[in-house]
Amino acid sequence: MTMTPSFLLPANELRRLHTLQNYDILHSLPETLFTEVVELAATLFNVPISLIALVAADEVQYKAAHGLPGLRSQPRVEAICALAVKEEQAVVFTDLAHSHALTMEAEAAAHAKGLRFYAGAPLRAADGHCIGTFCIIDRQPRSFSAAEQQLLEQHAQLVARLIAVRQQCLAHPAQGETHWHKVRTELAWDVQALIALVRYLATYSGTHIPVPTDVLALMSRRLQELHGKLADVPAEPL
């Protein structure tokens, strides 16, 4: 029986958890590709922290954590990511110090880490259920435009697709593990190139908040290209 308060649970909680279990990613080790995707988001949005959060029954497990080394999990009631799963949509807090939507536990955990800004987009599985979030976090308040939120949601869509592809590949050990290694290696090179591009743009024109629209448009196209490389693998878990 779950220990998470009922007000944090979406109406489809049991089906959502079933979908998450089917992806066979809980308790998995960190993987370079996921780590580099969160580094890309942190670099692009000029924030110190970015996370891939998998929201299980009573805890949130972090598949990748940029800026919070060693963070692997925390109680669901303490995690702001639980709210995006509850709402099944992106959530943005421009200043956590003045938010009244957090649980007391989440508020205390955010304060202890010095967190002030949070934006999280749902990781939506092929069946529509939200299995977690892709989020960026800052230690100071900041604005967040609608265009920035849209790009954050693109990051989440890419990660959700990667999770599905990972499951499909690893479900077939004879050939799938080799294919997954090939996929993640090729995409890791692509993501590394994007990180280098974002850093070059920041060096050339400086960092800006919000992110300039031309940079957002460029990154949107590049993320679509990455997503397209995964199009041939079925999205439904076996």
Protein backbone atom coordinates (compact mmCIF):
# COMPACT_ATOMS: atom_id res chain seq x y z
CA MET A 1 0.00 0.00 0.00
CA THR A 2 1.39 3.39 -0.97
CA MET A 3 2.51 5.85 1.70
CA THR A 4 2.18 8.81 -0.67
CA PRO A 5 -0.73 11.13 0.21
CA SER A 6 -3.74 10.62 -2.04
CA PHE A 7 -3.76 14.28 -3.10
CA LEU A 8 -0.48 13.66 -4.96
CA LEU A 9 -1.87 10.75 -6.95
CA PRO A 10 -3.38 11.12 -10.42
CA ALA A 11 -6.64 9.33 -11.14
CA ASN A 12 -4.84 6.77 -13.31
CA GLU A 13 -2.16 5.98 -10.71
CA LEU A 14 -2.36 2.18 -10.90
CA ARG A 15 -2.24 2.10 -14.70
CA ARG A 16 0.55 4.69 -14.66
CA LEU A 17 2.66 2.57 -12.31
CA HIS A 18 2.04 -0.49 -14.46
CA THR A 19 3.36 1.39 -17.49
CA LEU A 20 6.43 2.55 -15.57
CA GLN A 21 7.18 -1.01 -14.41
CA ASN A 22 6.87 -2.30 -17.98
CA TYR A 23 9.66 -0.01 -19.10
CA ASP A 24 12.05 -1.84 -16.75
CA ILE A 25 14.10 1.26 -16.00
CA LEU A 26 13.58 1.69 -12.26
CA HIS A 27 16.79 1.06 -10.25
CA SER A 28 18.83 1.03 -13.47
CA LEU A 29 22.34 2.42 -13.49
CA PRO A 30 23.13 5.86 -14.93
CA GLU A 31 23.67 5.88 -18.70
CA THR A 32 25.78 8.43 -20.52
CA LEU A 33 23.13 9.38 -23.07
CA PHE A 34 20.57 10.38 -20.44
CA THR A 35 23.25 12.21 -18.48
CA GLU A 36 24.23 14.23 -21.53
CA VAL A 37 20.63 15.15 -22.35
CA VAL A 38 20.23 16.76 -18.92
CA GLU A 39 23.58 18.51 -19.37
CA LEU A 40 22.32 19.87 -22.68
CA ALA A 41 19.18 21.28 -21.04
CA ALA A 42 21.13 22.84 -18.17
CA THR A 43 23.54 24.46 -20.62
CA LEU A 44 20.82 25.69 -22.94
CA PHE A 45 18.60 27.20 -20.24
CA ASN A 46 21.60 28.45 -18.24
CA VAL A 47 20.61 26.70 -15.01
CA PRO A 48 22.80 24.69 -12.62
CA ILE A 49 20.50 21.67 -12.29
CA SER A 50 18.58 19.39 -14.64
CA LEU A 51 17.02 16.00 -13.83
CA ILE A 52 15.27 13.02 -15.35
CA ALA A 53 12.85 11.85 -12.66
CA LEU A 54 10.96 8.56 -12.64
CA VAL A 55 8.03 8.78 -10.24
CA ALA A 56 7.36 5.43 -8.57
CA ALA A 57 4.73 4.65 -5.92
CA ASP A 58 6.51 6.19 -2.94
CA GLU A 59 9.80 7.52 -4.26
CA VAL A 60 11.21 9.46 -7.14
CA GLN A 61 14.23 7.87 -8.79
CA TYR A 62 16.61 9.99 -10.86
CA LYS A 63 17.85 8.39 -14.04
CA ALA A 64 20.12 11.39 -14.60
CA ALA A 65 21.02 14.28 -12.33
CA HIS A 66 23.10 17.20 -13.57
CA GLY A 67 24.19 19.60 -10.83
CA LEU A 68 23.17 17.39 -7.90
CA PRO A 69 25.87 14.70 -7.90
CA GLY A 70 24.99 11.54 -6.05
CA LEU A 71 21.25 12.19 -6.11
CA ARG A 72 19.59 8.86 -6.88
CA SER A 73 16.19 9.08 -5.21
CA GLN A 74 14.02 10.84 -2.64
CA PRO A 75 10.56 10.31 -1.14
CA ARG A 76 7.82 11.20 -3.58
CA VAL A 77 6.21 13.57 -1.10
CA GLU A 78 9.44 15.64 -1.05
CA ALA A 79 9.83 15.88 -4.84
CA ILE A 80 8.43 18.78 -6.85
CA CYS A 81 8.43 16.38 -9.81
CA ALA A 82 5.48 14.58 -8.19
CA LEU A 83 3.31 17.61 -8.97
CA ALA A 84 3.90 17.37 -12.72
CA VAL A 85 2.82 13.73 -12.58
CA LYS A 86 -0.23 14.62 -10.53
CA GLU A 87 -1.23 17.39 -12.95
CA GLU A 88 -0.14 15.42 -16.04
CA GLN A 89 1.19 18.61 -17.57
CA ALA A 90 4.17 20.93 -17.34
CA VAL A 91 4.52 22.88 -14.11
CA VAL A 92 6.58 26.05 -13.62
CA PHE A 93 7.49 27.83 -10.39
CA THR A 94 9.36 31.04 -11.09
CA ASP A 95 10.03 31.53 -7.36
CA LEU A 96 9.62 28.56 -5.04
CA ALA A 97 9.91 30.84 -2.02
CA HIS A 98 6.48 32.26 -2.83
CA SER A 99 4.72 29.12 -3.99
CA HIS A 100 1.78 27.68 -2.07
CA ALA A 101 1.40 24.57 -4.21
CA LEU A 102 4.19 22.48 -2.67
CA THR A 103 3.78 19.95 0.11
CA MET A 104 5.46 20.92 3.38
CA GLU A 105 8.00 18.18 2.74
CA ALA A 106 8.79 19.43 -0.78
CA GLU A 107 9.04 23.00 0.45
CA ALA A 108 11.49 21.95 3.17
CA ALA A 109 13.57 19.86 0.74
CA ALA A 110 13.74 22.72 -1.79
CA HIS A 111 14.73 25.19 0.92
CA ALA A 112 17.45 22.85 2.23
CA LYS A 113 19.00 22.65 -1.26
CA GLY A 114 18.58 26.39 -1.89
CA LEU A 115 16.23 25.88 -4.86
CA ARG A 116 14.19 28.84 -6.12
CA PHE A 117 13.10 28.04 -9.70
CA TYR A 118 11.60 24.84 -11.09
CA ALA A 119 10.18 23.89 -14.49
CA GLY A 120 9.21 20.30 -15.22
CA ALA A 121 7.59 18.63 -18.23
CA PRO A 122 5.97 15.19 -18.09
CA LEU A 123 7.61 12.09 -19.52
CA ARG A 124 4.59 10.76 -21.35
CA ALA A 125 4.60 7.10 -22.38
CA ALA A 126 3.15 5.82 -25.64
CA ASP A 127 -0.10 4.91 -23.84
CA GLY A 128 -0.42 8.48 -22.56
CA HIS A 129 0.50 7.83 -18.95
CA CYS A 130 3.03 10.12 -17.26
CA ILE A 131 5.90 8.08 -15.82
CA GLY A 132 8.03 10.97 -14.59
CA THR A 133 9.37 14.38 -15.49
CA PHE A 134 12.20 16.17 -17.23
CA CYS A 135 13.03 19.27 -15.24
CA ILE A 136 15.39 22.21 -14.92
CA ILE A 137 16.09 23.97 -11.61
CA ASP A 138 17.81 27.18 -10.56
CA ARG A 139 18.98 28.54 -7.22
CA GLN A 140 17.55 31.95 -8.00
CA PRO A 141 14.14 33.08 -9.27
CA ARG A 142 13.83 33.54 -13.02
CA SER A 143 11.27 34.05 -15.73
CA PHE A 144 10.29 31.27 -18.11
CA SER A 145 8.65 32.01 -21.42
CA ALA A 146 6.03 29.93 -23.22
CA ALA A 147 8.57 29.22 -25.97
CA GLU A 148 11.08 27.99 -23.40
CA GLN A 149 8.45 25.73 -21.88
CA GLN A 150 7.70 24.31 -25.32
CA LEU A 151 11.36 23.45 -25.83
CA LEU A 152 11.54 21.86 -22.36
CA GLU A 153 8.57 19.71 -23.37
CA GLN A 154 10.51 18.67 -26.49
CA HIS A 155 13.35 17.51 -24.25
CA ALA A 156 10.83 15.47 -22.25
CA GLN A 157 9.37 13.94 -25.42
CA LEU A 158 12.85 12.91 -26.57
CA VAL A 159 13.66 11.32 -23.21
CA ALA A 160 10.31 9.48 -23.12
CA ARG A 161 11.07 8.13 -26.57
CA LEU A 162 14.56 7.06 -25.50
CA ILE A 163 13.10 5.18 -22.54
CA ALA A 164 10.72 3.34 -24.86
CA VAL A 165 13.48 2.51 -27.34
CA ARG A 166 15.70 1.31 -24.49
CA GLN A 167 13.00 -1.07 -23.30
CA GLN A 168 12.32 -2.40 -26.79
CA CYS A 169 16.00 -3.08 -27.40
CA LEU A 170 16.81 -4.66 -24.04
CA ALA A 171 13.74 -6.92 -24.28
CA HIS A 172 15.59 -8.76 -27.06
CA PRO A 173 19.00 -9.62 -25.52
CA ALA A 174 20.28 -11.50 -28.58
CA GLN A 175 20.32 -8.42 -30.82
CA GLY A 176 18.71 -5.66 -28.82
CA GLU A 177 21.57 -4.92 -26.44
CA THR A 178 23.90 -4.39 -29.38
CA HIS A 179 21.34 -2.17 -31.08
CA TRP A 180 20.75 -0.13 -27.92
CA HIS A 181 24.51 0.36 -27.53
CA LYS A 182 24.66 1.60 -31.14
CA VAL A 183 21.67 3.94 -30.67
CA ARG A 184 22.90 5.48 -27.45
CA THR A 185 26.46 5.87 -28.77
CA GLU A 186 25.33 7.63 -31.95
CA LEU A 187 22.88 9.90 -30.16
CA ALA A 188 25.42 10.68 -27.43
CA TRP A 189 27.72 12.07 -30.12
CA ASP A 190 24.84 14.16 -31.46
CA VAL A 191 23.99 15.51 -28.01
CA GLN A 192 27.64 16.30 -27.29
CA ALA A 193 27.75 18.28 -30.53
CA LEU A 194 24.65 20.22 -29.46
CA ILE A 195 26.21 20.99 -26.07
CA ALA A 196 29.28 22.33 -27.85
CA LEU A 197 27.06 24.41 -30.15
CA VAL A 198 25.14 25.93 -27.25
CA ARG A 199 28.38 26.79 -25.46
CA TYR A 200 29.73 28.40 -28.63
CA LEU A 201 26.57 30.49 -29.03
CA ALA A 202 26.81 31.58 -25.38
CA THR A 203 30.45 32.56 -25.84
CA TYR A 204 29.68 34.43 -29.06
CA SER A 205 26.58 36.34 -27.96
CA GLY A 206 26.42 35.86 -24.19
CA THR A 207 23.80 34.12 -22.10
CA HIS A 208 20.29 35.51 -22.02
CA ILE A 209 17.14 34.94 -19.97
CA PRO A 210 14.82 34.11 -21.55
CA VAL A 211 16.70 32.13 -24.18
CA PRO A 212 16.58 34.05 -27.50
CA THR A 213 13.90 32.90 -29.92
CA ASP A 214 16.40 32.15 -32.69
CA VAL A 215 18.33 29.82 -30.39
CA LEU A 216 15.09 28.14 -29.29
CA ALA A 217 14.08 27.62 -32.92
CA LEU A 218 17.49 26.17 -33.81
CA MET A 219 17.45 23.77 -30.86
CA SER A 220 13.87 22.76 -31.60
CA ARG A 221 14.89 21.67 -35.09
CA ARG A 222 17.87 19.75 -33.77
CA LEU A 223 15.77 17.93 -31.17
CA GLN A 224 13.26 16.99 -33.86
CA GLU A 225 16.13 15.52 -35.87
CA LEU A 226 17.24 13.43 -32.89
CA HIS A 227 13.68 12.26 -32.32
CA GLY A 228 13.45 11.31 -35.99
CA LYS A 229 16.43 8.98 -35.66
CA LEU A 230 14.36 6.89 -33.23
CA ALA A 231 11.31 6.65 -35.48
CA ASP A 232 11.91 3.08 -36.66
CA VAL A 233 11.71 1.49 -33.20
CA PRO A 234 8.20 0.66 -31.88
CA ALA A 235 7.18 2.86 -28.94
CA GLU A 236 4.96 0.38 -27.07
CA PRO A 237 6.68 -1.66 -24.33
CA LEU A 238 6.57 -5.41 -24.84
